[in-house]
Amino acid sequence: MMTIPEIEFAYATAQPIELLRHPLEVPEATLQGRFYPYGFPIEVRTNCADVLSQLDESYGVFEKRFDTKPVVVDVHVLESDEAECPLTPQYQIMMPLMVSIADGSNFSVVDYEHLHSQVVVTAAAVKYPLYLRYFFLEPAALCHISARYTTPIHSGCVALDGRGLLLMGDSGAGKSTLSFACARAGWAYVCDDNCMMLNQQTQRIVIGNCHQVRLRPSAAELFPEIRGVAITPRAEGKPSIEFPTANLPHLRLAEAAHVDSIVFLNRNWEGPPQLWPWRRDVARHAMRQVVIGTPELRELQYETIERLLTAELFELRYTDLDLAIERLQILVREGR
């Protein structure tokens, strides 16, 4: 900033004075891009080409499917001499805002009410793509999509003969493993762990990322084709084996499925696999725990969950994967 004497001298000598941006203002976003995560449009404005490249890495495989109001994401990258990856962010919710803060130069603000996310990160963060995408870039869009337009369901999803099946359970219950095993057996693969049910519909339609598989490293003992695939260092949580389904062209993929049955997994079972009726009140509470958003958006998601709960609910008790798949095939084709 110029001092008062400097301003006086400039005017006295008729020198042009350029009104600079305030030093606290983030860099101006001069680049734009449009992407379609899960088929929904998002508009991205940034001052860094690497941000657009990383978003293309995340969402370039998706094409437009829905004519919804675009989510707007602003990503401002600050110059930095730092070399280390920033800290894991901490989250605070003050509706209609969700704030994610790693430090004073790496943070984001999600505005649920206005479909707008603002992200500020350092150049150091951009050097760590997994960190940047997992904590900042992907949530900036998905927080809105999974509140206003869909309801997140913590489950895998596969389909057989046009009938979709959700595989649910806590983390480590085997959702990804059984989803991938079904896909190898000829089922259509929708997603292995996180799917989203469309809001404001009359049918039970779920969508997912059929373009990627993520498995625990121990799954290499079950599936020969993934042996030797490098372990992906997760930004958070346990290491995993992640790979695009394009690497396995024999898999049948589906971006969406109509849900006919919901199956909660219990693989701590000795003996032949069995299906038992499952309680809707327990399922309802488990599903509601995941939703987030303004009170109006949560009510919309609760309605979506009630629509999903009109499907049949079961618990699958099993140990052997192949026998479990056979039992699920009987469920789909014979309804029992």
C-alpha atoms as a PDB file:
ATOM      1  CA  MET A   1       0.000   0.000   0.000  1.00  0.00           C
ATOM      2  CA  MET A   2       1.129   3.580  -0.680  1.00  0.00           C
ATOM      3  CA  THR A   3       1.749   6.000   2.143  1.00  0.00           C
ATOM      4  CA  ILE A   4      -0.007   9.377   2.251  1.00  0.00           C
ATOM      5  CA  PRO A   5       3.184  11.288   1.201  1.00  0.00           C
ATOM      6  CA  GLU A   6       3.623   8.904  -1.743  1.00  0.00           C
ATOM      7  CA  ILE A   7       0.036   9.521  -2.837  1.00  0.00           C
ATOM      8  CA  GLU A   8       0.512  13.312  -2.455  1.00  0.00           C
ATOM      9  CA  PHE A   9       3.696  13.238  -4.526  1.00  0.00           C
ATOM     10  CA  ALA A  10       2.068  11.147  -7.259  1.00  0.00           C
ATOM     11  CA  TYR A  11      -0.833  13.565  -7.625  1.00  0.00           C
ATOM     12  CA  ALA A  12       1.480  16.618  -7.452  1.00  0.00           C
ATOM     13  CA  THR A  13       3.575  15.261 -10.292  1.00  0.00           C
ATOM     14  CA  ALA A  14       0.607  14.003 -12.310  1.00  0.00           C
ATOM     15  CA  GLN A  15       1.811  10.402 -12.100  1.00  0.00           C
ATOM     16  CA  PRO A  16      -0.848   7.735 -12.800  1.00  0.00           C
ATOM     17  CA  ILE A  17      -1.910   5.828  -9.720  1.00  0.00           C
ATOM     18  CA  GLU A  18      -3.104   2.252 -10.097  1.00  0.00           C
ATOM     19  CA  LEU A  19      -5.660   1.209  -7.503  1.00  0.00           C
ATOM     20  CA  LEU A  20      -4.337  -2.182  -6.433  1.00  0.00           C
ATOM     21  CA  ARG A  21      -6.300  -5.041  -4.945  1.00  0.00           C
ATOM     22  CA  HIS A  22      -6.446  -5.073  -1.174  1.00  0.00           C
ATOM     23  CA  PRO A  23      -3.576  -7.169   0.248  1.00  0.00           C
ATOM     24  CA  LEU A  24      -6.059  -9.412   2.050  1.00  0.00           C
ATOM     25  CA  GLU A  25      -8.007 -10.228  -1.100  1.00  0.00           C
ATOM     26  CA  VAL A  26      -7.498 -13.658  -2.575  1.00  0.00           C
ATOM     27  CA  PRO A  27      -6.094 -13.905  -6.122  1.00  0.00           C
ATOM     28  CA  GLU A  28      -8.553 -13.153  -8.866  1.00  0.00           C
ATOM     29  CA  ALA A  29     -10.054 -16.233 -10.568  1.00  0.00           C
ATOM     30  CA  THR A  30      -9.189 -15.882 -14.257  1.00  0.00           C
ATOM     31  CA  LEU A  31      -9.757 -19.509 -15.330  1.00  0.00           C
ATOM     32  CA  GLN A  32     -13.032 -21.396 -15.639  1.00  0.00           C
ATOM     33  CA  GLY A  33     -14.100 -24.974 -16.160  1.00  0.00           C
ATOM     34  CA  ARG A  34     -17.281 -27.051 -16.119  1.00  0.00           C
ATOM     35  CA  PHE A  35     -17.515 -30.607 -14.851  1.00  0.00           C
ATOM     36  CA  TYR A  36     -20.315 -33.129 -14.241  1.00  0.00           C
ATOM     37  CA  PRO A  37     -19.706 -35.188 -11.089  1.00  0.00           C
ATOM     38  CA  TYR A  38     -22.292 -37.969 -11.092  1.00  0.00           C
ATOM     39  CA  GLY A  39     -23.903 -36.151 -14.025  1.00  0.00           C
ATOM     40  CA  PHE A  40     -24.620 -32.860 -12.195  1.00  0.00           C
ATOM     41  CA  PRO A  41     -23.167 -29.594 -13.568  1.00  0.00           C
ATOM     42  CA  ILE A  42     -20.638 -27.608 -11.544  1.00  0.00           C
ATOM     43  CA  GLU A  43     -18.896 -24.396 -12.567  1.00  0.00           C
ATOM     44  CA  VAL A  44     -15.357 -23.893 -11.307  1.00  0.00           C
ATOM     45  CA  ARG A  45     -13.515 -20.577 -11.177  1.00  0.00           C
ATOM     46  CA  THR A  46      -9.851 -20.482 -10.194  1.00  0.00           C
ATOM     47  CA  ASN A  47      -6.487 -18.816 -10.726  1.00  0.00           C
ATOM     48  CA  CYS A  48      -4.613 -22.137 -11.062  1.00  0.00           C
ATOM     49  CA  ALA A  49      -4.643 -24.458 -14.083  1.00  0.00           C
ATOM     50  CA  ASP A  50      -3.573 -27.402 -11.882  1.00  0.00           C
ATOM     51  CA  VAL A  51      -6.879 -27.152 -10.034  1.00  0.00           C
ATOM     52  CA  LEU A  52      -8.802 -27.708 -13.267  1.00  0.00           C
ATOM     53  CA  SER A  53      -6.498 -30.613 -14.160  1.00  0.00           C
ATOM     54  CA  GLN A  54      -7.103 -32.290 -10.819  1.00  0.00           C
ATOM     55  CA  LEU A  55     -10.852 -31.841 -11.086  1.00  0.00           C
ATOM     56  CA  ASP A  56     -10.694 -33.404 -14.538  1.00  0.00           C
ATOM     57  CA  GLU A  57      -8.879 -36.337 -12.929  1.00  0.00           C
ATOM     58  CA  SER A  58     -11.777 -36.720 -10.501  1.00  0.00           C
ATOM     59  CA  TYR A  59     -14.732 -36.007 -12.769  1.00  0.00           C
ATOM     60  CA  GLY A  60     -13.573 -36.142 -16.375  1.00  0.00           C
ATOM     61  CA  VAL A  61     -15.191 -39.563 -16.877  1.00  0.00           C
ATOM     62  CA  PHE A  62     -18.673 -38.220 -16.097  1.00  0.00           C
ATOM     63  CA  GLU A  63     -20.992 -36.723 -18.706  1.00  0.00           C
ATOM     64  CA  LYS A  64     -23.938 -34.405 -18.132  1.00  0.00           C
ATOM     65  CA  ARG A  65     -27.113 -36.237 -17.106  1.00  0.00           C
ATOM     66  CA  PHE A  66     -29.135 -33.695 -15.133  1.00  0.00           C
ATOM     67  CA  ASP A  67     -30.314 -30.162 -15.960  1.00  0.00           C
ATOM     68  CA  THR A  68     -30.005 -28.831 -12.429  1.00  0.00           C
ATOM     69  CA  LYS A  69     -28.816 -25.415 -11.335  1.00  0.00           C
ATOM     70  CA  PRO A  70     -24.996 -25.582 -11.404  1.00  0.00           C
ATOM     71  CA  VAL A  71     -22.999 -25.677  -8.205  1.00  0.00           C
ATOM     72  CA  VAL A  72     -20.467 -22.822  -8.232  1.00  0.00           C
ATOM     73  CA  VAL A  73     -17.014 -23.541  -6.821  1.00  0.00           C
ATOM     74  CA  ASP A  74     -14.352 -20.841  -6.434  1.00  0.00           C
ATOM     75  CA  VAL A  75     -10.816 -22.095  -5.773  1.00  0.00           C
ATOM     76  CA  HIS A  76      -8.144 -19.505  -4.967  1.00  0.00           C
ATOM     77  CA  VAL A  77      -4.530 -20.671  -4.770  1.00  0.00           C
ATOM     78  CA  LEU A  78      -2.147 -18.549  -2.706  1.00  0.00           C
ATOM     79  CA  GLU A  79       1.550 -18.287  -3.407  1.00  0.00           C
ATOM     80  CA  SER A  80       3.569 -20.185  -0.833  1.00  0.00           C
ATOM     81  CA  ASP A  81       7.148 -21.163  -0.078  1.00  0.00           C
ATOM     82  CA  GLU A  82       5.954 -24.114   2.001  1.00  0.00           C
ATOM     83  CA  ALA A  83       6.882 -27.595   0.836  1.00  0.00           C
ATOM     84  CA  GLU A  84       5.016 -29.814   3.304  1.00  0.00           C
ATOM     85  CA  CYS A  85       1.439 -30.977   2.911  1.00  0.00           C
ATOM     86  CA  PRO A  86      -0.983 -28.961   5.072  1.00  0.00           C
ATOM     87  CA  LEU A  87      -2.706 -30.456   8.095  1.00  0.00           C
ATOM     88  CA  THR A  88      -5.895 -32.510   8.014  1.00  0.00           C
ATOM     89  CA  PRO A  89      -8.808 -30.045   8.118  1.00  0.00           C
ATOM     90  CA  GLN A  90     -11.192 -29.697  11.024  1.00  0.00           C
ATOM     91  CA  TYR A  91     -14.901 -29.192  10.320  1.00  0.00           C
ATOM     92  CA  GLN A  92     -17.532 -26.960  11.868  1.00  0.00           C
ATOM     93  CA  ILE A  93     -21.174 -26.636  10.834  1.00  0.00           C
ATOM     94  CA  MET A  94     -23.078 -23.377  11.272  1.00  0.00           C
ATOM     95  CA  MET A  95     -26.021 -23.804   8.940  1.00  0.00           C
ATOM     96  CA  PRO A  96     -26.285 -22.857   6.160  1.00  0.00           C
ATOM     97  CA  LEU A  97     -22.463 -22.996   6.203  1.00  0.00           C
ATOM     98  CA  MET A  98     -19.965 -25.811   6.664  1.00  0.00           C
ATOM     99  CA  VAL A  99     -16.402 -24.642   7.283  1.00  0.00           C
ATOM    100  CA  SER A 100     -13.311 -26.799   6.794  1.00  0.00           C
ATOM    101  CA  ILE A 101     -10.079 -25.380   8.249  1.00  0.00           C
ATOM    102  CA  ALA A 102      -6.589 -26.843   7.968  1.00  0.00           C
ATOM    103  CA  ASP A 103      -4.901 -23.541   8.822  1.00  0.00           C
ATOM    104  CA  GLY A 104      -5.218 -19.831   8.072  1.00  0.00           C
ATOM    105  CA  SER A 105      -4.269 -20.331   4.416  1.00  0.00           C
ATOM    106  CA  ASN A 106      -6.013 -23.631   3.674  1.00  0.00           C
ATOM    107  CA  PHE A 107      -9.755 -23.657   4.273  1.00  0.00           C
ATOM    108  CA  SER A 108     -13.142 -23.876   2.564  1.00  0.00           C
ATOM    109  CA  VAL A 109     -16.662 -22.585   3.123  1.00  0.00           C
ATOM    110  CA  VAL A 110     -19.672 -24.502   1.767  1.00  0.00           C
ATOM    111  CA  ASP A 111     -22.844 -22.424   1.535  1.00  0.00           C
ATOM    112  CA  TYR A 112     -25.727 -24.904   1.310  1.00  0.00           C
ATOM    113  CA  GLU A 113     -28.318 -22.203   0.834  1.00  0.00           C
ATOM    114  CA  HIS A 114     -26.731 -20.606  -2.243  1.00  0.00           C
ATOM    115  CA  LEU A 115     -25.134 -23.663  -3.944  1.00  0.00           C
ATOM    116  CA  HIS A 116     -21.735 -22.007  -3.621  1.00  0.00           C
ATOM    117  CA  SER A 117     -18.401 -23.209  -2.239  1.00  0.00           C
ATOM    118  CA  GLN A 118     -15.283 -21.121  -1.744  1.00  0.00           C
ATOM    119  CA  VAL A 119     -11.893 -22.758  -1.319  1.00  0.00           C
ATOM    120  CA  VAL A 120      -8.596 -21.108  -0.407  1.00  0.00           C
ATOM    121  CA  VAL A 121      -5.452 -23.246  -0.496  1.00  0.00           C
ATOM    122  CA  THR A 122      -1.726 -22.700  -0.832  1.00  0.00           C
ATOM    123  CA  ALA A 123       0.482 -23.719  -3.718  1.00  0.00           C
ATOM    124  CA  ALA A 124       1.930 -26.303  -1.329  1.00  0.00           C
ATOM    125  CA  ALA A 125      -1.464 -28.033  -1.085  1.00  0.00           C
ATOM    126  CA  VAL A 126      -1.708 -28.212  -4.871  1.00  0.00           C
ATOM    127  CA  LYS A 127       1.492 -30.272  -4.873  1.00  0.00           C
ATOM    128  CA  TYR A 128      -0.372 -33.040  -3.008  1.00  0.00           C
ATOM    129  CA  PRO A 129      -3.240 -34.016  -5.349  1.00  0.00           C
ATOM    130  CA  LEU A 130      -4.760 -36.725  -3.138  1.00  0.00           C
ATOM    131  CA  TYR A 131      -4.922 -34.306  -0.228  1.00  0.00           C
ATOM    132  CA  LEU A 132      -6.319 -31.441  -2.281  1.00  0.00           C
ATOM    133  CA  ARG A 133      -8.954 -33.514  -4.037  1.00  0.00           C
ATOM    134  CA  TYR A 134     -10.080 -35.513  -0.997  1.00  0.00           C
ATOM    135  CA  PHE A 135     -10.363 -32.655   1.499  1.00  0.00           C
ATOM    136  CA  PHE A 136     -11.148 -29.619  -0.639  1.00  0.00           C
ATOM    137  CA  LEU A 137     -11.963 -30.000  -4.331  1.00  0.00           C
ATOM    138  CA  GLU A 138     -14.319 -32.973  -4.296  1.00  0.00           C
ATOM    139  CA  PRO A 139     -16.303 -31.994  -1.166  1.00  0.00           C
ATOM    140  CA  ALA A 140     -16.779 -28.480  -2.552  1.00  0.00           C
ATOM    141  CA  ALA A 141     -19.157 -29.933  -5.151  1.00  0.00           C
ATOM    142  CA  LEU A 142     -20.364 -33.174  -3.572  1.00  0.00           C
ATOM    143  CA  CYS A 143     -21.579 -31.497  -0.365  1.00  0.00           C
ATOM    144  CA  HIS A 144     -24.208 -29.719  -2.453  1.00  0.00           C
ATOM    145  CA  ILE A 145     -25.054 -32.640  -4.743  1.00  0.00           C
ATOM    146  CA  SER A 146     -25.491 -34.996  -1.783  1.00  0.00           C
ATOM    147  CA  ALA A 147     -27.843 -32.597  -0.014  1.00  0.00           C
ATOM    148  CA  ARG A 148     -29.953 -30.690  -2.526  1.00  0.00           C
ATOM    149  CA  TYR A 149     -30.222 -33.156  -5.410  1.00  0.00           C
ATOM    150  CA  THR A 150     -29.580 -36.565  -3.822  1.00  0.00           C
ATOM    151  CA  THR A 151     -29.486 -38.392  -0.507  1.00  0.00           C
ATOM    152  CA  PRO A 152     -26.213 -40.169   0.355  1.00  0.00           C
ATOM    153  CA  ILE A 153     -26.528 -43.873   1.148  1.00  0.00           C
ATOM    154  CA  HIS A 154     -23.530 -45.626   2.727  1.00  0.00           C
ATOM    155  CA  SER A 155     -23.762 -48.762   0.623  1.00  0.00           C
ATOM    156  CA  GLY A 156     -22.565 -50.609  -2.413  1.00  0.00           C
ATOM    157  CA  CYS A 157     -24.943 -51.135  -5.308  1.00  0.00           C
ATOM    158  CA  VAL A 158     -25.141 -53.854  -7.958  1.00  0.00           C
ATOM    159  CA  ALA A 159     -27.908 -54.920 -10.315  1.00  0.00           C
ATOM    160  CA  LEU A 160     -28.972 -58.175 -11.941  1.00  0.00           C
ATOM    161  CA  ASP A 161     -31.640 -58.563 -14.627  1.00  0.00           C
ATOM    162  CA  GLY A 162     -32.456 -54.865 -14.201  1.00  0.00           C
ATOM    163  CA  ARG A 163     -33.098 -55.172 -10.464  1.00  0.00           C
ATOM    164  CA  GLY A 164     -30.865 -53.144  -8.147  1.00  0.00           C
ATOM    165  CA  LEU A 165     -29.619 -54.319  -4.793  1.00  0.00           C
ATOM    166  CA  LEU A 166     -28.048 -52.173  -2.059  1.00  0.00           C
ATOM    167  CA  LEU A 167     -25.370 -53.791   0.104  1.00  0.00           C
ATOM    168  CA  MET A 168     -25.241 -51.966   3.439  1.00  0.00           C
ATOM    169  CA  GLY A 169     -23.312 -52.146   6.690  1.00  0.00           C
ATOM    170  CA  ASP A 170     -20.772 -50.353   8.820  1.00  0.00           C
ATOM    171  CA  SER A 171     -17.257 -49.667   7.552  1.00  0.00           C
ATOM    172  CA  GLY A 172     -15.457 -52.993   7.211  1.00  0.00           C
ATOM    173  CA  ALA A 173     -18.674 -54.971   6.767  1.00  0.00           C
ATOM    174  CA  GLY A 174     -17.597 -56.137   3.303  1.00  0.00           C
ATOM    175  CA  LYS A 175     -19.691 -53.886   1.054  1.00  0.00           C
ATOM    176  CA  SER A 176     -16.900 -53.198  -1.449  1.00  0.00           C
ATOM    177  CA  THR A 177     -15.687 -56.786  -1.542  1.00  0.00           C
ATOM    178  CA  LEU A 178     -19.127 -58.279  -2.166  1.00  0.00           C
ATOM    179  CA  SER A 179     -20.013 -55.562  -4.703  1.00  0.00           C
ATOM    180  CA  PHE A 180     -16.877 -56.290  -6.712  1.00  0.00           C
ATOM    181  CA  ALA A 181     -17.390 -60.041  -6.389  1.00  0.00           C
ATOM    182  CA  CYS A 182     -20.924 -59.676  -7.779  1.00  0.00           C
ATOM    183  CA  ALA A 183     -19.584 -57.574 -10.661  1.00  0.00           C
ATOM    184  CA  ARG A 184     -17.035 -60.289 -11.492  1.00  0.00           C
ATOM    185  CA  ALA A 185     -19.927 -62.785 -11.515  1.00  0.00           C
ATOM    186  CA  GLY A 186     -21.796 -60.833 -14.203  1.00  0.00           C
ATOM    187  CA  TRP A 187     -23.825 -58.345 -12.179  1.00  0.00           C
ATOM    188  CA  ALA A 188     -23.888 -54.691 -13.275  1.00  0.00           C
ATOM    189  CA  TYR A 189     -21.612 -52.606 -11.068  1.00  0.00           C
ATOM    190  CA  VAL A 190     -22.930 -49.226  -9.854  1.00  0.00           C
ATOM    191  CA  CYS A 191     -20.614 -48.488  -6.927  1.00  0.00           C
ATOM    192  CA  ASP A 192     -18.797 -50.249  -4.122  1.00  0.00           C
ATOM    193  CA  ASP A 193     -19.294 -48.052  -1.073  1.00  0.00           C
ATOM    194  CA  ASN A 194     -21.131 -44.755  -1.503  1.00  0.00           C
ATOM    195  CA  CYS A 195     -24.174 -44.232  -3.672  1.00  0.00           C
ATOM    196  CA  MET A 196     -26.773 -41.483  -3.812  1.00  0.00           C
ATOM    197  CA  MET A 197     -30.514 -41.737  -4.241  1.00  0.00           C
ATOM    198  CA  LEU A 198     -32.173 -39.081  -6.380  1.00  0.00           C
ATOM    199  CA  ASN A 199     -34.412 -36.681  -4.481  1.00  0.00           C
ATOM    200  CA  GLN A 200     -37.844 -35.576  -5.664  1.00  0.00           C
ATOM    201  CA  GLN A 201     -38.508 -38.730  -7.661  1.00  0.00           C
ATOM    202  CA  THR A 202     -41.298 -41.283  -7.582  1.00  0.00           C
ATOM    203  CA  GLN A 203     -38.994 -44.281  -8.059  1.00  0.00           C
ATOM    204  CA  ARG A 204     -36.120 -45.638  -6.000  1.00  0.00           C
ATOM    205  CA  ILE A 205     -33.267 -44.598  -8.316  1.00  0.00           C
ATOM    206  CA  VAL A 206     -29.692 -44.565  -7.022  1.00  0.00           C
ATOM    207  CA  ILE A 207     -26.557 -43.380  -8.799  1.00  0.00           C
ATOM    208  CA  GLY A 208     -22.900 -44.084  -8.102  1.00  0.00           C
ATOM    209  CA  ASN A 209     -19.355 -43.904  -9.361  1.00  0.00           C
ATOM    210  CA  CYS A 210     -19.195 -46.982 -11.546  1.00  0.00           C
ATOM    211  CA  HIS A 211     -15.880 -45.751 -12.948  1.00  0.00           C
ATOM    212  CA  GLN A 212     -13.803 -46.632  -9.890  1.00  0.00           C
ATOM    213  CA  VAL A 213     -13.266 -49.520  -7.504  1.00  0.00           C
ATOM    214  CA  ARG A 214     -11.763 -49.144  -4.057  1.00  0.00           C
ATOM    215  CA  LEU A 215     -10.877 -52.237  -2.046  1.00  0.00           C
ATOM    216  CA  ARG A 216      -8.912 -53.052   1.074  1.00  0.00           C
ATOM    217  CA  PRO A 217      -5.399 -54.392   0.344  1.00  0.00           C
ATOM    218  CA  SER A 218      -6.449 -57.793   1.742  1.00  0.00           C
ATOM    219  CA  ALA A 219      -8.865 -58.162  -1.207  1.00  0.00           C
ATOM    220  CA  ALA A 220      -5.876 -59.029  -3.420  1.00  0.00           C
ATOM    221  CA  GLU A 221      -5.994 -62.487  -1.805  1.00  0.00           C
ATOM    222  CA  LEU A 222      -9.514 -62.976  -3.206  1.00  0.00           C
ATOM    223  CA  PHE A 223      -9.207 -61.391  -6.647  1.00  0.00           C
ATOM    224  CA  PRO A 224      -6.170 -62.410  -8.734  1.00  0.00           C
ATOM    225  CA  GLU A 225      -6.632 -59.587 -11.263  1.00  0.00           C
ATOM    226  CA  ILE A 226      -5.772 -56.915  -8.691  1.00  0.00           C
ATOM    227  CA  ARG A 227      -2.631 -58.568  -7.378  1.00  0.00           C
ATOM    228  CA  GLY A 228       0.281 -56.272  -7.991  1.00  0.00           C
ATOM    229  CA  VAL A 229      -1.870 -53.135  -8.165  1.00  0.00           C
ATOM    230  CA  ALA A 230      -0.167 -50.464  -6.083  1.00  0.00           C
ATOM    231  CA  ILE A 231      -1.708 -49.465  -2.766  1.00  0.00           C
ATOM    232  CA  THR A 232      -3.069 -45.925  -2.857  1.00  0.00           C
ATOM    233  CA  PRO A 233      -1.990 -43.856   0.154  1.00  0.00           C
ATOM    234  CA  ARG A 234      -5.267 -42.477   1.465  1.00  0.00           C
ATOM    235  CA  ALA A 235      -5.426 -38.892   2.620  1.00  0.00           C
ATOM    236  CA  GLU A 236      -7.536 -40.167   5.505  1.00  0.00           C
ATOM    237  CA  GLY A 237      -8.409 -43.623   6.731  1.00  0.00           C
ATOM    238  CA  LYS A 238      -6.887 -46.978   5.867  1.00  0.00           C
ATOM    239  CA  PRO A 239      -4.782 -47.599   2.733  1.00  0.00           C
ATOM    240  CA  SER A 240      -6.676 -49.043  -0.197  1.00  0.00           C
ATOM    241  CA  ILE A 241      -6.311 -50.429  -3.685  1.00  0.00           C
ATOM    242  CA  GLU A 242      -7.999 -48.013  -6.077  1.00  0.00           C
ATOM    243  CA  PHE A 243      -8.252 -48.440  -9.823  1.00  0.00           C
ATOM    244  CA  PRO A 244     -10.531 -47.364 -12.684  1.00  0.00           C
ATOM    245  CA  THR A 245     -13.009 -49.911 -13.946  1.00  0.00           C
ATOM    246  CA  ALA A 246     -11.709 -49.109 -17.444  1.00  0.00           C
ATOM    247  CA  ASN A 247      -8.810 -51.391 -16.500  1.00  0.00           C
ATOM    248  CA  LEU A 248     -11.278 -54.298 -16.325  1.00  0.00           C
ATOM    249  CA  PRO A 249     -13.262 -54.109 -19.590  1.00  0.00           C
ATOM    250  CA  HIS A 250     -15.130 -57.337 -18.839  1.00  0.00           C
ATOM    251  CA  LEU A 251     -17.105 -55.654 -16.033  1.00  0.00           C
ATOM    252  CA  ARG A 252     -20.651 -54.506 -16.788  1.00  0.00           C
ATOM    253  CA  LEU A 253     -21.146 -50.943 -15.581  1.00  0.00           C
ATOM    254  CA  ALA A 254     -24.303 -49.010 -14.746  1.00  0.00           C
ATOM    255  CA  GLU A 255     -24.447 -45.369 -13.702  1.00  0.00           C
ATOM    256  CA  ALA A 256     -27.846 -45.879 -12.046  1.00  0.00           C
ATOM    257  CA  ALA A 257     -30.141 -48.634 -10.827  1.00  0.00           C
ATOM    258  CA  HIS A 258     -33.666 -49.055  -9.488  1.00  0.00           C
ATOM    259  CA  VAL A 259     -33.466 -50.492  -5.967  1.00  0.00           C
ATOM    260  CA  ASP A 260     -35.642 -53.532  -5.339  1.00  0.00           C
ATOM    261  CA  SER A 261     -33.926 -54.880  -2.206  1.00  0.00           C
ATOM    262  CA  ILE A 262     -31.711 -53.588   0.603  1.00  0.00           C
ATOM    263  CA  VAL A 263     -29.384 -56.110   2.208  1.00  0.00           C
ATOM    264  CA  PHE A 264     -27.444 -55.493   5.429  1.00  0.00           C
ATOM    265  CA  LEU A 265     -24.293 -57.592   5.599  1.00  0.00           C
ATOM    266  CA  ASN A 266     -23.212 -59.904   8.410  1.00  0.00           C
ATOM    267  CA  ARG A 267     -20.245 -62.005   7.349  1.00  0.00           C
ATOM    268  CA  ASN A 268     -19.540 -63.350  10.842  1.00  0.00           C
ATOM    269  CA  TRP A 269     -21.660 -66.402  10.187  1.00  0.00           C
ATOM    270  CA  GLU A 270     -20.829 -70.083  10.179  1.00  0.00           C
ATOM    271  CA  GLY A 271     -22.699 -72.258   7.765  1.00  0.00           C
ATOM    272  CA  PRO A 272     -24.674 -71.722   4.538  1.00  0.00           C
ATOM    273  CA  PRO A 273     -25.695 -68.132   3.776  1.00  0.00           C
ATOM    274  CA  GLN A 274     -29.114 -67.100   5.011  1.00  0.00           C
ATOM    275  CA  LEU A 275     -31.411 -64.132   4.432  1.00  0.00           C
ATOM    276  CA  TRP A 276     -33.427 -62.783   7.329  1.00  0.00           C
ATOM    277  CA  PRO A 277     -35.978 -59.936   7.405  1.00  0.00           C
ATOM    278  CA  TRP A 278     -34.458 -56.656   8.634  1.00  0.00           C
ATOM    279  CA  ARG A 279     -36.023 -53.922  10.763  1.00  0.00           C
ATOM    280  CA  ARG A 280     -37.038 -50.727   8.980  1.00  0.00           C
ATOM    281  CA  ASP A 281     -36.621 -48.571  12.076  1.00  0.00           C
ATOM    282  CA  VAL A 282     -32.989 -49.642  12.408  1.00  0.00           C
ATOM    283  CA  ALA A 283     -32.387 -49.061   8.694  1.00  0.00           C
ATOM    284  CA  ARG A 284     -34.077 -45.657   8.870  1.00  0.00           C
ATOM    285  CA  HIS A 285     -31.879 -44.490  11.731  1.00  0.00           C
ATOM    286  CA  ALA A 286     -28.714 -45.789  10.058  1.00  0.00           C
ATOM    287  CA  MET A 287     -29.547 -43.904   6.851  1.00  0.00           C
ATOM    288  CA  ARG A 288     -30.559 -40.663   8.562  1.00  0.00           C
ATOM    289  CA  GLN A 289     -27.211 -40.464  10.358  1.00  0.00           C
ATOM    290  CA  VAL A 290     -25.461 -39.660   7.071  1.00  0.00           C
ATOM    291  CA  VAL A 291     -27.559 -36.731   5.840  1.00  0.00           C
ATOM    292  CA  ILE A 292     -26.454 -33.138   6.287  1.00  0.00           C
ATOM    293  CA  GLY A 293     -27.776 -29.776   5.176  1.00  0.00           C
ATOM    294  CA  THR A 294     -30.255 -27.105   6.117  1.00  0.00           C
ATOM    295  CA  PRO A 295     -33.458 -28.205   7.911  1.00  0.00           C
ATOM    296  CA  GLU A 296     -35.360 -27.908   4.620  1.00  0.00           C
ATOM    297  CA  LEU A 297     -32.838 -30.091   2.796  1.00  0.00           C
ATOM    298  CA  ARG A 298     -32.829 -32.681   5.588  1.00  0.00           C
ATOM    299  CA  GLU A 299     -36.611 -32.973   5.403  1.00  0.00           C
ATOM    300  CA  LEU A 300     -36.299 -33.568   1.674  1.00  0.00           C
ATOM    301  CA  GLN A 301     -33.725 -36.283   2.321  1.00  0.00           C
ATOM    302  CA  TYR A 302     -35.865 -37.903   5.001  1.00  0.00           C
ATOM    303  CA  GLU A 303     -38.656 -38.163   2.421  1.00  0.00           C
ATOM    304  CA  THR A 304     -36.193 -39.809   0.023  1.00  0.00           C
ATOM    305  CA  ILE A 305     -35.183 -42.308   2.690  1.00  0.00           C
ATOM    306  CA  GLU A 306     -38.826 -43.197   3.350  1.00  0.00           C
ATOM    307  CA  ARG A 307     -39.264 -43.867  -0.357  1.00  0.00           C
ATOM    308  CA  LEU A 308     -36.170 -46.078  -0.319  1.00  0.00           C
ATOM    309  CA  LEU A 309     -37.516 -48.005   2.668  1.00  0.00           C
ATOM    310  CA  THR A 310     -40.460 -49.224   0.594  1.00  0.00           C
ATOM    311  CA  ALA A 311     -37.982 -51.753  -0.856  1.00  0.00           C
ATOM    312  CA  GLU A 312     -37.592 -55.172   0.759  1.00  0.00           C
ATOM    313  CA  LEU A 313     -35.073 -55.290   3.639  1.00  0.00           C
ATOM    314  CA  PHE A 314     -32.924 -58.256   4.604  1.00  0.00           C
ATOM    315  CA  GLU A 315     -29.857 -59.237   6.559  1.00  0.00           C
ATOM    316  CA  LEU A 316     -27.464 -61.541   4.717  1.00  0.00           C
ATOM    317  CA  ARG A 317     -25.549 -63.841   7.045  1.00  0.00           C
ATOM    318  CA  TYR A 318     -22.633 -65.431   5.229  1.00  0.00           C
ATOM    319  CA  THR A 319     -18.954 -66.323   5.155  1.00  0.00           C
ATOM    320  CA  ASP A 320     -18.222 -67.613   1.662  1.00  0.00           C
ATOM    321  CA  LEU A 321     -18.395 -65.009  -1.130  1.00  0.00           C
ATOM    322  CA  ASP A 322     -19.451 -67.362  -3.912  1.00  0.00           C
ATOM    323  CA  LEU A 323     -22.257 -68.851  -1.847  1.00  0.00           C
ATOM    324  CA  ALA A 324     -23.378 -65.356  -0.843  1.00  0.00           C
ATOM    325  CA  ILE A 325     -23.628 -64.349  -4.503  1.00  0.00           C
ATOM    326  CA  GLU A 326     -25.657 -67.448  -5.287  1.00  0.00           C
ATOM    327  CA  ARG A 327     -28.033 -66.604  -2.452  1.00  0.00           C
ATOM    328  CA  LEU A 328     -28.448 -63.039  -3.723  1.00  0.00           C
ATOM    329  CA  GLN A 329     -29.134 -64.348  -7.240  1.00  0.00           C
ATOM    330  CA  ILE A 330     -32.000 -66.420  -5.853  1.00  0.00           C
ATOM    331  CA  LEU A 331     -33.342 -63.331  -4.088  1.00  0.00           C
ATOM    332  CA  VAL A 332     -33.311 -61.269  -7.291  1.00  0.00           C
ATOM    333  CA  ARG A 333     -34.697 -63.928  -9.602  1.00  0.00           C
ATOM    334  CA  GLU A 334     -37.140 -65.712  -7.300  1.00  0.00           C
ATOM    335  CA  GLY A 335     -37.930 -62.976  -4.790  1.00  0.00           C
ATOM    336  CA  ARG A 336     -37.047 -64.973  -1.727  1.00  0.00           C
END
